[in-house]
PDB file of N, CA and C in Angstrom:
ATOM      1  N   UNK A   1       0.876  -1.237  -0.045  1.00  0.00           N
ATOM      2  CA  UNK A   1       0.016  -0.010   0.038  1.00  0.00           C
ATOM      3  C   UNK A   1       0.914   1.266  -0.058  1.00  0.00           C
ATOM      4  N   UNK A   2       0.655   2.092  -0.957  1.00  0.00           N
ATOM      5  CA  UNK A   2       1.555   3.434  -1.003  1.00  0.00           C
ATOM      6  C   UNK A   2       0.959   4.532  -0.224  1.00  0.00           C
ATOM      7  N   UNK A   3      -0.231   4.383   0.208  1.00  0.00           N
ATOM      8  CA  UNK A   3      -0.867   5.524   0.854  1.00  0.00           C
ATOM      9  C   UNK A   3      -0.382   5.720   2.259  1.00  0.00           C
ATOM     10  N   UNK A   4      -0.051   6.946   2.662  1.00  0.00           N
ATOM     11  CA  UNK A   4       0.466   7.228   3.997  1.00  0.00           C
ATOM     12  C   UNK A   4      -0.686   7.302   4.938  1.00  0.00           C
ATOM     13  N   UNK A   5      -0.770   6.389   5.881  1.00  0.00           N
ATOM     14  CA  UNK A   5      -1.976   6.413   6.762  1.00  0.00           C
ATOM     15  C   UNK A   5      -1.620   6.979   8.098  1.00  0.00           C
ATOM     16  N   UNK A   6      -0.524   7.591   8.275  1.00  0.00           N
ATOM     17  CA  UNK A   6      -0.253   8.210   9.525  1.00  0.00           C
ATOM     18  C   UNK A   6      -1.109   9.419   9.691  1.00  0.00           C
ATOM     19  N   UNK A   7      -1.684   9.708  10.894  1.00  0.00           N
ATOM     20  CA  UNK A   7      -2.607  10.796  11.115  1.00  0.00           C
ATOM     21  C   UNK A   7      -2.278  11.408  12.497  1.00  0.00           C
ATOM     22  N   UNK A   8      -2.280  12.701  12.533  1.00  0.00           N
ATOM     23  CA  UNK A   8      -1.986  13.467  13.863  1.00  0.00           C
ATOM     24  C   UNK A   8      -3.394  14.152  14.113  1.00  0.00           C
ATOM     25  N   UNK A   9      -3.884  14.056  15.265  1.00  0.00           N
ATOM     26  CA  UNK A   9      -5.087  14.765  15.676  1.00  0.00           C
ATOM     27  C   UNK A   9      -4.824  15.516  16.817  1.00  0.00           C
ATOM     28  N   UNK A  10      -5.007  16.865  16.774  1.00  0.00           N
ATOM     29  CA  UNK A  10      -4.908  17.870  17.833  1.00  0.00           C
ATOM     30  C   UNK A  10      -6.255  17.907  18.542  1.00  0.00           C
ATOM     31  N   UNK A  11      -6.186  17.872  19.899  1.00  0.00           N
ATOM     32  CA  UNK A  11      -7.366  17.883  20.764  1.00  0.00           C
ATOM     33  C   UNK A  11      -7.265  18.995  21.734  1.00  0.00           C
ATOM     34  N   UNK A  12      -8.387  19.645  21.959  1.00  0.00           N
ATOM     35  CA  UNK A  12      -8.539  20.648  22.951  1.00  0.00           C
ATOM     36  C   UNK A  12      -9.507  20.028  23.959  1.00  0.00           C
ATOM     37  N   UNK A  13      -8.998  19.444  25.042  1.00  0.00           N
ATOM     38  CA  UNK A  13      -9.877  18.754  26.022  1.00  0.00           C
ATOM     39  C   UNK A  13      -9.196  19.120  27.384  1.00  0.00           C
ATOM     40  N   UNK A  14     -10.122  19.218  28.353  1.00  0.00           N
ATOM     41  CA  UNK A  14      -9.688  19.608  29.791  1.00  0.00           C
ATOM     42  C   UNK A  14      -9.593  18.347  30.556  1.00  0.00           C
ATOM     43  N   UNK A  15      -9.807  17.183  30.004  1.00  0.00           N
ATOM     44  CA  UNK A  15      -9.678  15.856  30.779  1.00  0.00           C
ATOM     45  C   UNK A  15      -8.205  15.575  31.132  1.00  0.00           C
ATOM     46  N   UNK A  16      -8.076  14.867  32.230  1.00  0.00           N
ATOM     47  CA  UNK A  16      -6.812  14.374  32.667  1.00  0.00           C
ATOM     48  C   UNK A  16      -6.429  13.254  31.696  1.00  0.00           C
ATOM     49  N   UNK A  17      -5.182  13.103  31.439  1.00  0.00           N
ATOM     50  CA  UNK A  17      -4.634  12.116  30.663  1.00  0.00           C
ATOM     51  C   UNK A  17      -5.268  10.683  30.761  1.00  0.00           C
ATOM     52  N   UNK A  18      -5.364  10.237  31.899  1.00  0.00           N
ATOM     53  CA  UNK A  18      -6.011   8.888  32.170  1.00  0.00           C
ATOM     54  C   UNK A  18      -7.421   8.856  31.764  1.00  0.00           C
ATOM     55  N   UNK A  19      -8.227   9.803  31.949  1.00  0.00           N
ATOM     56  CA  UNK A  19      -9.628   9.904  31.556  1.00  0.00           C
ATOM     57  C   UNK A  19      -9.676   9.949  30.096  1.00  0.00           C
ATOM     58  N   UNK A  20      -8.764  10.726  29.508  1.00  0.00           N
ATOM     59  CA  UNK A  20      -8.714  10.844  28.083  1.00  0.00           C
ATOM     60  C   UNK A  20      -8.413   9.564  27.328  1.00  0.00           C
ATOM     61  N   UNK A  21      -7.392   8.867  27.859  1.00  0.00           N
ATOM     62  CA  UNK A  21      -7.094   7.524  27.345  1.00  0.00           C
ATOM     63  C   UNK A  21      -8.273   6.534  27.449  1.00  0.00           C
ATOM     64  N   UNK A  22      -8.911   6.515  28.669  1.00  0.00           N
ATOM     65  CA  UNK A  22     -10.039   5.583  28.799  1.00  0.00           C
ATOM     66  C   UNK A  22     -11.093   5.862  27.793  1.00  0.00           C
ATOM     67  N   UNK A  23     -11.363   7.241  27.534  1.00  0.00           N
ATOM     68  CA  UNK A  23     -12.431   7.636  26.589  1.00  0.00           C
ATOM     69  C   UNK A  23     -12.066   7.087  25.247  1.00  0.00           C
ATOM     70  N   UNK A  24     -10.829   7.260  24.788  1.00  0.00           N
ATOM     71  CA  UNK A  24     -10.376   6.829  23.414  1.00  0.00           C
ATOM     72  C   UNK A  24     -10.422   5.399  23.323  1.00  0.00           C
ATOM     73  N   UNK A  25     -10.040   4.658  24.340  1.00  0.00           N
ATOM     74  CA  UNK A  25     -10.083   3.209  24.314  1.00  0.00           C
ATOM     75  C   UNK A  25     -11.483   2.692  24.236  1.00  0.00           C
ATOM     76  N   UNK A  26     -12.501   3.395  24.860  1.00  0.00           N
ATOM     77  CA  UNK A  26     -13.854   2.969  24.695  1.00  0.00           C
ATOM     78  C   UNK A  26     -14.334   3.168  23.353  1.00  0.00           C
ATOM     79  N   UNK A  27     -14.018   4.356  22.734  1.00  0.00           N
ATOM     80  CA  UNK A  27     -14.609   4.640  21.436  1.00  0.00           C
ATOM     81  C   UNK A  27     -13.970   3.676  20.323  1.00  0.00           C
ATOM     82  N   UNK A  28     -12.703   3.367  20.367  1.00  0.00           N
ATOM     83  CA  UNK A  28     -12.185   2.438  19.371  1.00  0.00           C
ATOM     84  C   UNK A  28     -12.110   0.968  19.757  1.00  0.00           C
ATOM     85  N   UNK A  29     -12.646   0.721  20.994  1.00  0.00           N
ATOM     86  CA  UNK A  29     -12.608  -0.568  21.544  1.00  0.00           C
ATOM     87  C   UNK A  29     -11.250  -1.250  21.562  1.00  0.00           C
ATOM     88  N   UNK A  30     -10.349  -0.472  22.189  1.00  0.00           N
ATOM     89  CA  UNK A  30      -8.918  -0.925  22.347  1.00  0.00           C
ATOM     90  C   UNK A  30      -8.551  -1.089  23.691  1.00  0.00           C
ATOM     91  N   UNK A  31      -7.288  -1.498  23.728  1.00  0.00           N
ATOM     92  CA  UNK A  31      -6.667  -1.746  25.034  1.00  0.00           C
ATOM     93  C   UNK A  31      -5.585  -0.600  25.287  1.00  0.00           C
ATOM     94  N   UNK A  32      -5.444  -0.302  26.642  1.00  0.00           N
ATOM     95  CA  UNK A  32      -4.452   0.757  26.937  1.00  0.00           C
ATOM     96  C   UNK A  32      -3.196   0.170  27.548  1.00  0.00           C
ATOM     97  N   UNK A  33      -2.010   0.669  27.082  1.00  0.00           N
ATOM     98  CA  UNK A  33      -0.867   0.313  27.451  1.00  0.00           C
ATOM     99  C   UNK A  33       0.056   1.676  27.616  1.00  0.00           C
ATOM    100  N   UNK A  34       0.246   2.005  28.871  1.00  0.00           N
ATOM    101  CA  UNK A  34       0.888   3.391  29.224  1.00  0.00           C
ATOM    102  C   UNK A  34       0.116   4.503  28.552  1.00  0.00           C
ATOM    103  N   UNK A  35       0.577   5.155  27.469  1.00  0.00           N
ATOM    104  CA  UNK A  35      -0.111   6.293  26.932  1.00  0.00           C
ATOM    105  C   UNK A  35      -0.623   5.923  25.554  1.00  0.00           C
ATOM    106  N   UNK A  36      -0.752   4.632  25.234  1.00  0.00           N
ATOM    107  CA  UNK A  36      -1.116   4.192  23.944  1.00  0.00           C
ATOM    108  C   UNK A  36      -2.419   3.345  23.960  1.00  0.00           C
ATOM    109  N   UNK A  37      -3.322   3.444  23.029  1.00  0.00           N
ATOM    110  CA  UNK A  37      -4.389   2.638  22.869  1.00  0.00           C
ATOM    111  C   UNK A  37      -4.295   1.894  21.572  1.00  0.00           C
ATOM    112  N   UNK A  38      -4.488   0.547  21.592  1.00  0.00           N
ATOM    113  CA  UNK A  38      -4.382  -0.210  20.376  1.00  0.00           C
ATOM    114  C   UNK A  38      -5.550  -1.151  20.240  1.00  0.00           C
ATOM    115  N   UNK A  39      -6.026  -1.296  19.017  1.00  0.00           N
ATOM    116  CA  UNK A  39      -6.917  -2.399  18.711  1.00  0.00           C
ATOM    117  C   UNK A  39      -6.376  -3.150  17.510  1.00  0.00           C
ATOM    118  N   UNK A  40      -7.184  -3.917  16.756  1.00  0.00           N
ATOM    119  CA  UNK A  40      -6.632  -4.711  15.611  1.00  0.00           C
ATOM    120  C   UNK A  40      -6.228  -3.867  14.457  1.00  0.00           C
ATOM    121  N   UNK A  41      -6.769  -2.704  14.283  1.00  0.00           N
ATOM    122  CA  UNK A  41      -6.516  -1.843  13.219  1.00  0.00           C
ATOM    123  C   UNK A  41      -5.486  -0.791  13.405  1.00  0.00           C
ATOM    124  N   UNK A  42      -5.484  -0.070  14.606  1.00  0.00           N
ATOM    125  CA  UNK A  42      -4.657   1.034  14.732  1.00  0.00           C
ATOM    126  C   UNK A  42      -4.126   1.192  16.133  1.00  0.00           C
ATOM    127  N   UNK A  43      -3.109   2.023  16.142  1.00  0.00           N
ATOM    128  CA  UNK A  43      -2.476   2.423  17.497  1.00  0.00           C
ATOM    129  C   UNK A  43      -2.530   3.830  17.615  1.00  0.00           C
ATOM    130  N   UNK A  44      -2.958   4.365  18.758  1.00  0.00           N
ATOM    131  CA  UNK A  44      -3.157   5.761  19.040  1.00  0.00           C
ATOM    132  C   UNK A  44      -2.275   6.059  20.292  1.00  0.00           C
ATOM    133  N   UNK A  45      -1.364   6.891  20.063  1.00  0.00           N
ATOM    134  CA  UNK A  45      -0.498   7.398  21.239  1.00  0.00           C
ATOM    135  C   UNK A  45      -0.870   8.806  21.496  1.00  0.00           C
ATOM    136  N   UNK A  46      -0.998   9.045  22.850  1.00  0.00           N
ATOM    137  CA  UNK A  46      -1.592  10.367  23.315  1.00  0.00           C
ATOM    138  C   UNK A  46      -0.363  11.112  23.847  1.00  0.00           C
ATOM    139  N   UNK A  47      -0.195  12.374  23.448  1.00  0.00           N
ATOM    140  CA  UNK A  47       0.987  13.215  23.966  1.00  0.00           C
ATOM    141  C   UNK A  47       0.355  14.545  24.508  1.00  0.00           C
ATOM    142  N   UNK A  48       1.000  14.946  25.522  1.00  0.00           N
ATOM    143  CA  UNK A  48       0.623  16.385  25.969  1.00  0.00           C
ATOM    144  C   UNK A  48       1.522  17.215  25.023  1.00  0.00           C
ATOM    145  N   UNK A  49       0.922  18.266  24.454  1.00  0.00           N
ATOM    146  CA  UNK A  49       1.507  19.191  23.547  1.00  0.00           C
ATOM    147  C   UNK A  49       2.440  20.086  24.267  1.00  0.00           C
ATOM    148  N   UNK A  50       3.723  20.077  23.952  1.00  0.00           N
ATOM    149  CA  UNK A  50       4.710  21.026  24.604  1.00  0.00           C
ATOM    150  C   UNK A  50       4.505  22.424  24.064  1.00  0.00           C
ATOM    151  N   UNK A  51       3.768  22.576  22.936  1.00  0.00           N
ATOM    152  CA  UNK A  51       3.555  23.885  22.379  1.00  0.00           C
ATOM    153  C   UNK A  51       2.203  24.439  22.861  1.00  0.00           C
ATOM    154  N   UNK A  52       1.559  23.812  23.745  1.00  0.00           N
ATOM    155  CA  UNK A  52       0.217  24.183  24.299  1.00  0.00           C
ATOM    156  C   UNK A  52       0.386  25.682  24.739  1.00  0.00           C
ATOM    157  N   UNK A  53      -0.569  26.571  24.213  1.00  0.00           N
ATOM    158  CA  UNK A  53      -0.698  27.907  24.714  1.00  0.00           C
ATOM    159  C   UNK A  53      -2.206  28.324  24.589  1.00  0.00           C
ATOM    160  N   UNK A  54      -2.835  28.320  25.723  1.00  0.00           N
ATOM    161  CA  UNK A  54      -4.342  28.552  25.715  1.00  0.00           C
ATOM    162  C   UNK A  54      -4.765  29.698  25.046  1.00  0.00           C
ATOM    163  N   UNK A  55      -3.905  30.858  25.094  1.00  0.00           N
ATOM    164  CA  UNK A  55      -4.209  32.116  24.406  1.00  0.00           C
ATOM    165  C   UNK A  55      -4.325  32.010  22.881  1.00  0.00           C
ATOM    166  N   UNK A  56      -3.574  31.040  22.352  1.00  0.00           N
ATOM    167  CA  UNK A  56      -3.468  30.887  20.897  1.00  0.00           C
ATOM    168  C   UNK A  56      -4.390  29.912  20.322  1.00  0.00           C
ATOM    169  N   UNK A  57      -5.149  29.230  21.056  1.00  0.00           N
ATOM    170  CA  UNK A  57      -5.997  28.132  20.542  1.00  0.00           C
ATOM    171  C   UNK A  57      -7.174  28.580  19.747  1.00  0.00           C
ATOM    172  N   UNK A  58      -7.405  29.898  19.801  1.00  0.00           N
ATOM    173  CA  UNK A  58      -8.555  30.508  19.037  1.00  0.00           C
ATOM    174  C   UNK A  58      -8.110  31.249  17.745  1.00  0.00           C
ATOM    175  N   UNK A  59      -6.798  31.193  17.507  1.00  0.00           N
ATOM    176  CA  UNK A  59      -6.208  31.730  16.278  1.00  0.00           C
ATOM    177  C   UNK A  59      -6.588  30.879  15.116  1.00  0.00           C
ATOM    178  N   UNK A  60      -6.483  31.332  13.898  1.00  0.00           N
ATOM    179  CA  UNK A  60      -6.881  30.539  12.753  1.00  0.00           C
ATOM    180  C   UNK A  60      -6.198  29.231  12.698  1.00  0.00           C
ATOM    181  N   UNK A  61      -4.976  29.057  12.955  1.00  0.00           N
ATOM    182  CA  UNK A  61      -4.330  27.752  13.064  1.00  0.00           C
ATOM    183  C   UNK A  61      -4.080  27.394  14.514  1.00  0.00           C
ATOM    184  N   UNK A  62      -4.941  27.765  15.361  1.00  0.00           N
ATOM    185  CA  UNK A  62      -4.668  27.663  16.772  1.00  0.00           C
ATOM    186  C   UNK A  62      -4.646  26.195  17.250  1.00  0.00           C
ATOM    187  N   UNK A  63      -5.190  25.285  16.432  1.00  0.00           N
ATOM    188  CA  UNK A  63      -5.228  23.903  16.929  1.00  0.00           C
ATOM    189  C   UNK A  63      -3.945  23.267  17.168  1.00  0.00           C
ATOM    190  N   UNK A  64      -2.841  23.866  16.601  1.00  0.00           N
ATOM    191  CA  UNK A  64      -1.550  23.352  16.809  1.00  0.00           C
ATOM    192  C   UNK A  64      -1.062  23.655  18.281  1.00  0.00           C
ATOM    193  N   UNK A  65      -1.859  24.525  18.915  1.00  0.00           N
ATOM    194  CA  UNK A  65      -1.479  24.875  20.280  1.00  0.00           C
ATOM    195  C   UNK A  65      -2.463  24.155  21.290  1.00  0.00           C
ATOM    196  N   UNK A  66      -3.366  23.248  20.828  1.00  0.00           N
ATOM    197  CA  UNK A  66      -4.183  22.476  21.703  1.00  0.00           C
ATOM    198  C   UNK A  66      -3.314  21.667  22.672  1.00  0.00           C
ATOM    199  N   UNK A  67      -3.914  21.381  23.926  1.00  0.00           N
ATOM    200  CA  UNK A  67      -3.216  20.728  24.930  1.00  0.00           C
ATOM    201  C   UNK A  67      -2.661  19.261  24.682  1.00  0.00           C
ATOM    202  N   UNK A  68      -3.350  18.630  23.744  1.00  0.00           N
ATOM    203  CA  UNK A  68      -3.094  17.188  23.391  1.00  0.00           C
ATOM    204  C   UNK A  68      -2.902  17.017  21.912  1.00  0.00           C
ATOM    205  N   UNK A  69      -2.171  16.103  21.558  1.00  0.00           N
ATOM    206  CA  UNK A  69      -2.236  15.581  20.167  1.00  0.00           C
ATOM    207  C   UNK A  69      -2.117  14.047  20.093  1.00  0.00           C
ATOM    208  N   UNK A  70      -2.695  13.454  19.183  1.00  0.00           N
ATOM    209  CA  UNK A  70      -2.687  11.985  19.088  1.00  0.00           C
ATOM    210  C   UNK A  70      -1.938  11.565  17.766  1.00  0.00           C
ATOM    211  N   UNK A  71      -1.040  10.670  17.899  1.00  0.00           N
ATOM    212  CA  UNK A  71      -0.454  10.129  16.703  1.00  0.00           C
ATOM    213  C   UNK A  71      -0.981   8.717  16.375  1.00  0.00           C
ATOM    214  N   UNK A  72      -1.633   8.609  15.291  1.00  0.00           N
ATOM    215  CA  UNK A  72      -2.392   7.385  14.825  1.00  0.00           C
ATOM    216  C   UNK A  72      -1.750   6.722  13.755  1.00  0.00           C
ATOM    217  N   UNK A  73      -1.511   5.471  13.774  1.00  0.00           N
ATOM    218  CA  UNK A  73      -0.869   4.643  12.862  1.00  0.00           C
ATOM    219  C   UNK A  73      -1.598   3.263  12.728  1.00  0.00           C
ATOM    220  N   UNK A  74      -1.473   2.744  11.558  1.00  0.00           N
ATOM    221  CA  UNK A  74      -2.088   1.280  11.538  1.00  0.00           C
ATOM    222  C   UNK A  74      -1.146   0.352  12.207  1.00  0.00           C
ATOM    223  N   UNK A  75      -1.767  -0.728  12.839  1.00  0.00           N
ATOM    224  CA  UNK A  75      -0.967  -1.711  13.471  1.00  0.00           C
ATOM    225  C   UNK A  75      -0.183  -2.430  12.455  1.00  0.00           C
ATOM    226  N   UNK A  76      -0.833  -2.878  11.385  1.00  0.00           N
ATOM    227  CA  UNK A  76      -0.120  -3.449  10.275  1.00  0.00           C
ATOM    228  C   UNK A  76      -0.541  -2.917   8.948  1.00  0.00           C
ATOM    229  N   UNK A  77       0.261  -2.016   8.391  1.00  0.00           N
ATOM    230  CA  UNK A  77      -0.161  -1.267   7.223  1.00  0.00           C
ATOM    231  C   UNK A  77      -0.358  -2.261   6.024  1.00  0.00           C
ATOM    232  N   UNK A  78       0.227  -3.342   5.932  1.00  0.00           N
ATOM    233  CA  UNK A  78       0.107  -4.143   4.793  1.00  0.00           C
ATOM    234  C   UNK A  78      -1.143  -4.979   4.777  1.00  0.00           C
ATOM    235  N   UNK A  79      -1.893  -4.997   5.963  1.00  0.00           N
ATOM    236  CA  UNK A  79      -3.115  -5.769   5.861  1.00  0.00           C
ATOM    237  C   UNK A  79      -4.384  -4.949   6.377  1.00  0.00           C
ATOM    238  N   UNK A  80      -4.152  -3.634   6.737  1.00  0.00           N
ATOM    239  CA  UNK A  80      -5.167  -2.877   7.156  1.00  0.00           C
ATOM    240  C   UNK A  80      -6.102  -2.366   5.975  1.00  0.00           C
ATOM    241  N   UNK A  81      -7.381  -2.442   6.157  1.00  0.00           N
ATOM    242  CA  UNK A  81      -8.401  -1.917   5.213  1.00  0.00           C
ATOM    243  C   UNK A  81      -8.354  -0.349   5.358  1.00  0.00           C
ATOM    244  N   UNK A  82      -7.949   0.307   4.371  1.00  0.00           N
ATOM    245  CA  UNK A  82      -7.825   1.777   4.404  1.00  0.00           C
ATOM    246  C   UNK A  82      -9.197   2.470   4.831  1.00  0.00           C
ATOM    247  N   UNK A  83     -10.216   1.941   4.168  1.00  0.00           N
ATOM    248  CA  UNK A  83     -11.519   2.546   4.369  1.00  0.00           C
ATOM    249  C   UNK A  83     -11.992   2.328   5.881  1.00  0.00           C
ATOM    250  N   UNK A  84     -11.751   1.078   6.408  1.00  0.00           N
ATOM    251  CA  UNK A  84     -12.092   0.866   7.807  1.00  0.00           C
ATOM    252  C   UNK A  84     -11.324   1.682   8.751  1.00  0.00           C
ATOM    253  N   UNK A  85     -10.059   1.728   8.482  1.00  0.00           N
ATOM    254  CA  UNK A  85      -9.118   2.556   9.286  1.00  0.00           C
ATOM    255  C   UNK A  85      -9.516   4.060   9.373  1.00  0.00           C
ATOM    256  N   UNK A  86      -9.871   4.553   8.230  1.00  0.00           N
ATOM    257  CA  UNK A  86     -10.211   6.026   8.137  1.00  0.00           C
ATOM    258  C   UNK A  86     -11.597   6.272   8.776  1.00  0.00           C
ATOM    259  N   UNK A  87     -12.513   5.237   8.633  1.00  0.00           N
ATOM    260  CA  UNK A  87     -13.813   5.267   9.245  1.00  0.00           C
ATOM    261  C   UNK A  87     -13.624   5.289  10.843  1.00  0.00           C
ATOM    262  N   UNK A  88     -12.754   4.488  11.310  1.00  0.00           N
ATOM    263  CA  UNK A  88     -12.570   4.433  12.781  1.00  0.00           C
ATOM    264  C   UNK A  88     -11.953   5.883  13.256  1.00  0.00           C
ATOM    265  N   UNK A  89     -11.075   6.370  12.502  1.00  0.00           N
ATOM    266  CA  UNK A  89     -10.569   7.801  12.877  1.00  0.00           C
ATOM    267  C   UNK A  89     -11.726   8.778  12.843  1.00  0.00           C
ATOM    268  N   UNK A  90     -12.586   8.690  11.866  1.00  0.00           N
ATOM    269  CA  UNK A  90     -13.687   9.587  11.714  1.00  0.00           C
ATOM    270  C   UNK A  90     -14.641   9.374  12.932  1.00  0.00           C
ATOM    271  N   UNK A  91     -14.894   8.117  13.303  1.00  0.00           N
ATOM    272  CA  UNK A  91     -15.777   7.831  14.562  1.00  0.00           C
ATOM    273  C   UNK A  91     -15.126   8.496  15.810  1.00  0.00           C
ATOM    274  N   UNK A  92     -13.832   8.392  15.863  1.00  0.00           N
ATOM    275  CA  UNK A  92     -13.163   8.997  17.013  1.00  0.00           C
ATOM    276  C   UNK A  92     -13.278  10.473  17.002  1.00  0.00           C
ATOM    277  N   UNK A  93     -13.153  11.142  15.853  1.00  0.00           N
ATOM    278  CA  UNK A  93     -13.317  12.638  15.761  1.00  0.00           C
ATOM    279  C   UNK A  93     -14.750  12.937  16.204  1.00  0.00           C
ATOM    280  N   UNK A  94     -15.690  12.325  15.653  1.00  0.00           N
ATOM    281  CA  UNK A  94     -17.078  12.647  16.052  1.00  0.00           C
ATOM    282  C   UNK A  94     -17.454  12.364  17.497  1.00  0.00           C
ATOM    283  N   UNK A  95     -16.870  11.363  18.123  1.00  0.00           N
ATOM    284  CA  UNK A  95     -16.961  11.075  19.537  1.00  0.00           C
ATOM    285  C   UNK A  95     -16.456  12.273  20.298  1.00  0.00           C
ATOM    286  N   UNK A  96     -15.186  12.660  20.007  1.00  0.00           N
ATOM    287  CA  UNK A  96     -14.605  13.730  20.625  1.00  0.00           C
ATOM    288  C   UNK A  96     -15.418  15.121  20.605  1.00  0.00           C
ATOM    289  N   UNK A  97     -15.932  15.312  19.345  1.00  0.00           N
ATOM    290  CA  UNK A  97     -16.758  16.533  19.149  1.00  0.00           C
ATOM    291  C   UNK A  97     -18.105  16.402  20.096  1.00  0.00           C
ATOM    292  N   UNK A  98     -18.671  15.185  20.061  1.00  0.00           N
ATOM    293  CA  UNK A  98     -19.939  15.021  20.855  1.00  0.00           C
ATOM    294  C   UNK A  98     -19.646  15.197  22.235  1.00  0.00           C
ATOM    295  N   UNK A  99     -18.428  14.898  22.673  1.00  0.00           N
ATOM    296  CA  UNK A  99     -18.033  15.039  24.139  1.00  0.00           C
ATOM    297  C   UNK A  99     -17.716  16.507  24.493  1.00  0.00           C
ATOM    298  N   UNK A 100     -17.703  17.406  23.432  1.00  0.00           N
ATOM    299  CA  UNK A 100     -17.442  18.778  23.635  1.00  0.00           C
ATOM    300  C   UNK A 100     -16.055  19.237  23.440  1.00  0.00           C
ATOM    301  N   UNK A 101     -15.158  18.295  22.894  1.00  0.00           N
ATOM    302  CA  UNK A 101     -13.654  18.660  22.689  1.00  0.00           C
ATOM    303  C   UNK A 101     -13.598  19.115  21.288  1.00  0.00           C
ATOM    304  N   UNK A 102     -12.705  20.064  21.121  1.00  0.00           N
ATOM    305  CA  UNK A 102     -12.327  20.409  19.712  1.00  0.00           C
ATOM    306  C   UNK A 102     -11.276  19.461  19.208  1.00  0.00           C
ATOM    307  N   UNK A 103     -11.389  18.948  17.983  1.00  0.00           N
ATOM    308  CA  UNK A 103     -10.362  18.045  17.452  1.00  0.00           C
ATOM    309  C   UNK A 103     -10.226  18.421  16.021  1.00  0.00           C
ATOM    310  N   UNK A 104      -8.947  18.359  15.521  1.00  0.00           N
ATOM    311  CA  UNK A 104      -8.610  18.691  14.172  1.00  0.00           C
ATOM    312  C   UNK A 104      -7.642  17.571  13.709  1.00  0.00           C
ATOM    313  N   UNK A 105      -7.880  16.941  12.670  1.00  0.00           N
ATOM    314  CA  UNK A 105      -6.964  16.000  12.012  1.00  0.00           C
ATOM    315  C   UNK A 105      -6.065  16.645  11.004  1.00  0.00           C
ATOM    316  N   UNK A 106      -4.767  16.192  10.990  1.00  0.00           N
ATOM    317  CA  UNK A 106      -3.794  16.616  10.102  1.00  0.00           C
ATOM    318  C   UNK A 106      -3.182  15.377   9.468  1.00  0.00           C
ATOM    319  N   UNK A 107      -3.551  15.080   8.219  1.00  0.00           N
ATOM    320  CA  UNK A 107      -3.062  13.913   7.560  1.00  0.00           C
ATOM    321  C   UNK A 107      -3.317  13.954   6.046  1.00  0.00           C
ATOM    322  N   UNK A 108      -2.735  13.107   5.280  1.00  0.00           N
ATOM    323  CA  UNK A 108      -2.872  13.228   3.840  1.00  0.00           C
ATOM    324  C   UNK A 108      -4.248  12.940   3.419  1.00  0.00           C
ATOM    325  N   UNK A 109      -5.087  12.309   4.308  1.00  0.00           N
ATOM    326  CA  UNK A 109      -6.473  12.012   3.875  1.00  0.00           C
ATOM    327  C   UNK A 109      -7.495  12.773   4.716  1.00  0.00           C
ATOM    328  N   UNK A 110      -7.079  13.815   5.276  1.00  0.00           N
ATOM    329  CA  UNK A 110      -8.001  14.705   6.136  1.00  0.00           C
ATOM    330  C   UNK A 110      -9.289  15.034   5.388  1.00  0.00           C
ATOM    331  N   UNK A 111      -9.266  15.201   4.019  1.00  0.00           N
ATOM    332  CA  UNK A 111     -10.404  15.554   3.309  1.00  0.00           C
ATOM    333  C   UNK A 111     -11.499  14.390   3.209  1.00  0.00           C
ATOM    334  N   UNK A 112     -10.922  13.214   3.586  1.00  0.00           N
ATOM    335  CA  UNK A 112     -11.987  12.024   3.708  1.00  0.00           C
ATOM    336  C   UNK A 112     -12.540  11.831   4.940  1.00  0.00           C
ATOM    337  N   UNK A 113     -12.200  12.621   5.885  1.00  0.00           N
ATOM    338  CA  UNK A 113     -12.675  12.465   7.376  1.00  0.00           C
ATOM    339  C   UNK A 113     -13.815  13.391   7.480  1.00  0.00           C
ATOM    340  N   UNK A 114     -14.755  13.189   8.500  1.00  0.00           N
ATOM    341  CA  UNK A 114     -15.811  14.181   8.752  1.00  0.00           C
ATOM    342  C   UNK A 114     -15.254  15.495   9.147  1.00  0.00           C
ATOM    343  N   UNK A 115     -16.030  16.484   8.885  1.00  0.00           N
ATOM    344  CA  UNK A 115     -15.759  17.835   9.339  1.00  0.00           C
ATOM    345  C   UNK A 115     -16.659  18.277  10.388  1.00  0.00           C
ATOM    346  N   UNK A 116     -16.106  19.049  11.357  1.00  0.00           N
ATOM    347  CA  UNK A 116     -16.936  19.633  12.435  1.00  0.00           C
ATOM    348  C   UNK A 116     -17.753  20.679  11.876  1.00  0.00           C
ATOM    349  N   UNK A 117     -19.091  20.675  11.986  1.00  0.00           N
ATOM    350  CA  UNK A 117     -19.862  21.745  11.597  1.00  0.00           C
ATOM    351  C   UNK A 117     -20.025  22.714  12.734  1.00  0.00           C
ATOM    352  N   UNK A 118     -19.939  23.999  12.424  1.00  0.00           N
ATOM    353  CA  UNK A 118     -19.979  25.005  13.576  1.00  0.00           C
ATOM    354  C   UNK A 118     -21.307  25.006  14.161  1.00  0.00           C
TER     355      UNK A 118
END
């Protein structure tokens, strides 16, 4: 597969890291190991954003200053269904929005993911 399936998702959430991980694990039906959630399709690692600046989060590109970011990669890129993988990331975005968090995906296929409507 030549498609780059790496995806970074910036998240503005006030939840503590452990609550945030538990929420992600529930949405993707995955298991938690340290700061990573993994299921059969993907691996999501949660990072506290060192560039976090609350005052900048409302700027045009303010999402890069959100308090968290997720690095999402397929568990096995050679056998993952691209559509199922993208669909699961879309489900995660929608679940984050439903929970009241702002989330923005940055990846080669971001135009294939759902968009948050204002």
